[in-house]
Amino acid sequence: MVADRKAAIEATDAIMTKPFLPPFSADTDGSVQRDKDRDSLFLKATMRLASAPGDIAVRVRNLSAGGMMGEAPVQVERGDVVHVDLRNVGDVPGKVAWKAEGRFGIAFDHPIDPKLVRQPLSSKDDRPNFIRKIDSMSRPLGRKG
């Protein structure tokens, strides 16, 4: 009984993931290799559905080179085409691979570098922090008198 249940779960997992995974994540024999370099994090991103107008705010819960898990109050269906705007990377096309209770998985159409997404946004002002703080105070340095 346990072996039958395990086989059924594995078959369901294979059916649910294989059609929408990009080619870089499957072996030549068709077996699916999930990314081991998946990081749990909390980032905000913007998502657009091909079937709906407007941007949707998404919380990115984990991220890897091949996909992400997101959380948002939106109705998505498996196979929906999406575009996710990730900081320091830009627009990344993909498809919804799974959904469950406000969360969903997106398989990217091409791999990304997740390290770029985790880096802080670069500042246009390359001066050291202490110089920027002095300028923002707009008063001369020295004793108050």
C-alpha atoms as a PDB file:
ATOM      1  CA  MET A   1       0.000   0.000   0.000  1.00  0.00           C
ATOM      2  CA  VAL A   2       2.780   2.440   0.934  1.00  0.00           C
ATOM      3  CA  ALA A   3       4.745   1.526  -2.199  1.00  0.00           C
ATOM      4  CA  ASP A   4       1.649   2.086  -4.381  1.00  0.00           C
ATOM      5  CA  ARG A   5       1.071   5.496  -2.791  1.00  0.00           C
ATOM      6  CA  LYS A   6       4.719   6.470  -3.267  1.00  0.00           C
ATOM      7  CA  ALA A   7       4.609   5.403  -6.933  1.00  0.00           C
ATOM      8  CA  ALA A   8       1.411   7.408  -7.467  1.00  0.00           C
ATOM      9  CA  ILE A   9       2.962  10.516  -5.906  1.00  0.00           C
ATOM     10  CA  GLU A  10       6.103  10.186  -8.054  1.00  0.00           C
ATOM     11  CA  ALA A  11       4.012   9.720 -11.204  1.00  0.00           C
ATOM     12  CA  THR A  12       1.911  12.790 -10.350  1.00  0.00           C
ATOM     13  CA  ASP A  13       5.021  14.865  -9.676  1.00  0.00           C
ATOM     14  CA  ALA A  14       6.492  13.819 -13.029  1.00  0.00           C
ATOM     15  CA  ILE A  15       3.292  14.693 -14.882  1.00  0.00           C
ATOM     16  CA  MET A  16       2.943  18.044 -13.106  1.00  0.00           C
ATOM     17  CA  THR A  17       6.478  19.258 -13.716  1.00  0.00           C
ATOM     18  CA  LYS A  18       7.927  17.784 -16.910  1.00  0.00           C
ATOM     19  CA  PRO A  19       5.873  19.612 -19.573  1.00  0.00           C
ATOM     20  CA  PHE A  20       6.733  23.078 -18.305  1.00  0.00           C
ATOM     21  CA  LEU A  21      10.343  22.774 -17.250  1.00  0.00           C
ATOM     22  CA  PRO A  22      12.837  24.441 -19.562  1.00  0.00           C
ATOM     23  CA  PRO A  23      15.197  22.136 -21.449  1.00  0.00           C
ATOM     24  CA  PHE A  24      18.230  23.016 -19.317  1.00  0.00           C
ATOM     25  CA  SER A  25      16.710  21.329 -16.269  1.00  0.00           C
ATOM     26  CA  ALA A  26      15.996  17.864 -17.669  1.00  0.00           C
ATOM     27  CA  ASP A  27      18.437  15.071 -18.415  1.00  0.00           C
ATOM     28  CA  THR A  28      18.498  13.374 -21.808  1.00  0.00           C
ATOM     29  CA  ASP A  29      16.554  10.429 -20.372  1.00  0.00           C
ATOM     30  CA  GLY A  30      13.739  12.804 -19.368  1.00  0.00           C
ATOM     31  CA  SER A  31      14.340  12.665 -15.622  1.00  0.00           C
ATOM     32  CA  VAL A  32      13.878  15.981 -13.894  1.00  0.00           C
ATOM     33  CA  GLN A  33      16.810  17.441 -11.965  1.00  0.00           C
ATOM     34  CA  ARG A  34      15.668  20.042  -9.436  1.00  0.00           C
ATOM     35  CA  ASP A  35      18.124  22.776  -8.579  1.00  0.00           C
ATOM     36  CA  LYS A  36      19.981  22.122  -5.342  1.00  0.00           C
ATOM     37  CA  ASP A  37      21.111  25.747  -5.247  1.00  0.00           C
ATOM     38  CA  ARG A  38      17.717  27.086  -4.218  1.00  0.00           C
ATOM     39  CA  ASP A  39      17.794  29.914  -1.691  1.00  0.00           C
ATOM     40  CA  SER A  40      15.024  30.840   0.692  1.00  0.00           C
ATOM     41  CA  LEU A  41      14.619  34.581   0.797  1.00  0.00           C
ATOM     42  CA  PHE A  42      12.063  37.354   0.899  1.00  0.00           C
ATOM     43  CA  LEU A  43      12.115  39.790  -1.999  1.00  0.00           C
ATOM     44  CA  LYS A  44       9.521  41.817  -3.784  1.00  0.00           C
ATOM     45  CA  ALA A  45       9.100  41.563  -7.528  1.00  0.00           C
ATOM     46  CA  THR A  46       6.576  42.509 -10.176  1.00  0.00           C
ATOM     47  CA  MET A  47       4.797  39.922 -12.299  1.00  0.00           C
ATOM     48  CA  ARG A  48       2.713  40.274 -15.425  1.00  0.00           C
ATOM     49  CA  LEU A  49       0.345  37.609 -16.689  1.00  0.00           C
ATOM     50  CA  ALA A  50      -0.074  37.299 -20.443  1.00  0.00           C
ATOM     51  CA  SER A  51      -3.818  36.781 -19.870  1.00  0.00           C
ATOM     52  CA  ALA A  52      -4.396  39.818 -17.587  1.00  0.00           C
ATOM     53  CA  PRO A  53      -3.515  43.516 -17.768  1.00  0.00           C
ATOM     54  CA  GLY A  54      -1.426  45.316 -15.173  1.00  0.00           C
ATOM     55  CA  ASP A  55       1.423  44.531 -12.819  1.00  0.00           C
ATOM     56  CA  ILE A  56       1.057  42.246  -9.804  1.00  0.00           C
ATOM     57  CA  ALA A  57       3.209  42.644  -6.679  1.00  0.00           C
ATOM     58  CA  VAL A  58       4.774  39.282  -5.803  1.00  0.00           C
ATOM     59  CA  ARG A  59       6.737  38.122  -2.766  1.00  0.00           C
ATOM     60  CA  VAL A  60       9.587  35.875  -3.877  1.00  0.00           C
ATOM     61  CA  ARG A  61       9.961  33.116  -1.265  1.00  0.00           C
ATOM     62  CA  ASN A  62      12.733  31.112  -2.910  1.00  0.00           C
ATOM     63  CA  LEU A  63      14.791  31.477  -6.037  1.00  0.00           C
ATOM     64  CA  SER A  64      17.082  29.353  -8.163  1.00  0.00           C
ATOM     65  CA  ALA A  65      18.590  29.654 -11.623  1.00  0.00           C
ATOM     66  CA  GLY A  66      15.648  27.757 -13.128  1.00  0.00           C
ATOM     67  CA  GLY A  67      12.679  29.192 -11.279  1.00  0.00           C
ATOM     68  CA  MET A  68      11.094  30.669  -8.195  1.00  0.00           C
ATOM     69  CA  MET A  69       8.307  30.265  -5.703  1.00  0.00           C
ATOM     70  CA  GLY A  70       6.109  33.312  -5.407  1.00  0.00           C
ATOM     71  CA  GLU A  71       3.246  34.407  -3.231  1.00  0.00           C
ATOM     72  CA  ALA A  72       0.549  36.843  -4.314  1.00  0.00           C
ATOM     73  CA  PRO A  73      -3.225  37.294  -4.125  1.00  0.00           C
ATOM     74  CA  VAL A  74      -3.730  36.313  -7.764  1.00  0.00           C
ATOM     75  CA  GLN A  75      -5.412  33.439  -9.557  1.00  0.00           C
ATOM     76  CA  VAL A  76      -2.944  31.608 -11.773  1.00  0.00           C
ATOM     77  CA  GLU A  77      -3.276  28.308 -13.565  1.00  0.00           C
ATOM     78  CA  ARG A  78      -0.613  25.776 -14.391  1.00  0.00           C
ATOM     79  CA  GLY A  79       0.867  26.650 -17.774  1.00  0.00           C
ATOM     80  CA  ASP A  80       0.058  30.392 -17.620  1.00  0.00           C
ATOM     81  CA  VAL A  81       2.717  32.504 -19.340  1.00  0.00           C
ATOM     82  CA  VAL A  82       4.218  35.082 -16.979  1.00  0.00           C
ATOM     83  CA  HIS A  83       6.938  37.726 -16.980  1.00  0.00           C
ATOM     84  CA  VAL A  84       8.674  38.477 -13.680  1.00  0.00           C
ATOM     85  CA  ASP A  85      10.680  41.663 -13.188  1.00  0.00           C
ATOM     86  CA  LEU A  86      13.535  40.745 -10.829  1.00  0.00           C
ATOM     87  CA  ARG A  87      15.853  43.426  -9.495  1.00  0.00           C
ATOM     88  CA  ASN A  88      19.300  43.585 -11.110  1.00  0.00           C
ATOM     89  CA  VAL A  89      18.153  41.021 -13.714  1.00  0.00           C
ATOM     90  CA  GLY A  90      15.113  42.562 -15.390  1.00  0.00           C
ATOM     91  CA  ASP A  91      12.254  40.853 -17.186  1.00  0.00           C
ATOM     92  CA  VAL A  92      12.327  37.046 -17.012  1.00  0.00           C
ATOM     93  CA  PRO A  93       9.731  35.063 -18.987  1.00  0.00           C
ATOM     94  CA  GLY A  94       8.418  31.766 -17.671  1.00  0.00           C
ATOM     95  CA  LYS A  95       5.424  29.535 -17.048  1.00  0.00           C
ATOM     96  CA  VAL A  96       3.474  28.621 -13.926  1.00  0.00           C
ATOM     97  CA  ALA A  97       4.562  25.077 -13.026  1.00  0.00           C
ATOM     98  CA  TRP A  98       2.330  24.567  -9.957  1.00  0.00           C
ATOM     99  CA  LYS A  99      -0.015  26.422  -7.624  1.00  0.00           C
ATOM    100  CA  ALA A 100      -1.219  25.887  -4.057  1.00  0.00           C
ATOM    101  CA  GLU A 101      -3.055  28.199  -1.623  1.00  0.00           C
ATOM    102  CA  GLY A 102      -1.753  31.595  -2.707  1.00  0.00           C
ATOM    103  CA  ARG A 103       1.679  30.295  -3.685  1.00  0.00           C
ATOM    104  CA  PHE A 104       2.906  29.199  -7.067  1.00  0.00           C
ATOM    105  CA  GLY A 105       6.023  27.986  -8.801  1.00  0.00           C
ATOM    106  CA  ILE A 106       7.413  29.553 -11.948  1.00  0.00           C
ATOM    107  CA  ALA A 107       9.794  27.725 -14.274  1.00  0.00           C
ATOM    108  CA  PHE A 108      11.901  30.306 -16.122  1.00  0.00           C
ATOM    109  CA  ASP A 109      12.321  29.976 -19.883  1.00  0.00           C
ATOM    110  CA  HIS A 110      16.071  30.498 -19.481  1.00  0.00           C
ATOM    111  CA  PRO A 111      18.408  30.327 -16.488  1.00  0.00           C
ATOM    112  CA  ILE A 112      19.259  33.441 -14.493  1.00  0.00           C
ATOM    113  CA  ASP A 113      22.003  34.249 -12.000  1.00  0.00           C
ATOM    114  CA  PRO A 114      20.194  34.298  -8.636  1.00  0.00           C
ATOM    115  CA  LYS A 115      23.209  35.969  -6.998  1.00  0.00           C
ATOM    116  CA  LEU A 116      22.456  39.123  -8.996  1.00  0.00           C
ATOM    117  CA  VAL A 117      18.924  39.274  -7.613  1.00  0.00           C
ATOM    118  CA  ARG A 118      20.196  39.052  -4.031  1.00  0.00           C
ATOM    119  CA  GLN A 119      22.667  41.911  -4.482  1.00  0.00           C
ATOM    120  CA  PRO A 120      21.501  45.303  -3.237  1.00  0.00           C
ATOM    121  CA  LEU A 121      20.470  47.861  -5.793  1.00  0.00           C
ATOM    122  CA  SER A 122      23.388  49.994  -6.841  1.00  0.00           C
ATOM    123  CA  SER A 123      23.372  53.631  -5.882  1.00  0.00           C
ATOM    124  CA  LYS A 124      23.995  56.302  -8.522  1.00  0.00           C
ATOM    125  CA  ASP A 125      25.960  58.262  -5.955  1.00  0.00           C
ATOM    126  CA  ASP A 126      29.286  56.442  -5.580  1.00  0.00           C
ATOM    127  CA  ARG A 127      30.546  58.690  -2.778  1.00  0.00           C
ATOM    128  CA  PRO A 128      31.142  57.121   0.643  1.00  0.00           C
ATOM    129  CA  ASN A 129      28.172  57.120   3.035  1.00  0.00           C
ATOM    130  CA  PHE A 130      29.752  59.626   5.431  1.00  0.00           C
ATOM    131  CA  ILE A 131      30.135  62.188   2.617  1.00  0.00           C
ATOM    132  CA  ARG A 132      26.499  61.759   1.544  1.00  0.00           C
ATOM    133  CA  LYS A 133      25.368  62.207   5.162  1.00  0.00           C
ATOM    134  CA  ILE A 134      27.405  65.410   5.504  1.00  0.00           C
ATOM    135  CA  ASP A 135      25.809  66.806   2.339  1.00  0.00           C
ATOM    136  CA  SER A 136      22.328  65.857   3.508  1.00  0.00           C
ATOM    137  CA  MET A 137      22.823  67.640   6.843  1.00  0.00           C
ATOM    138  CA  SER A 138      23.518  70.900   4.948  1.00  0.00           C
ATOM    139  CA  ARG A 139      25.484  72.449   7.784  1.00  0.00           C
ATOM    140  CA  PRO A 140      29.218  72.957   8.248  1.00  0.00           C
ATOM    141  CA  LEU A 141      31.311  70.471  10.173  1.00  0.00           C
ATOM    142  CA  GLY A 142      32.693  71.395  13.566  1.00  0.00           C
ATOM    143  CA  ARG A 143      31.375  72.446  16.927  1.00  0.00           C
ATOM    144  CA  LYS A 144      27.990  73.939  17.386  1.00  0.00           C
ATOM    145  CA  GLY A 145      28.425  77.410  18.640  1.00  0.00           C
END
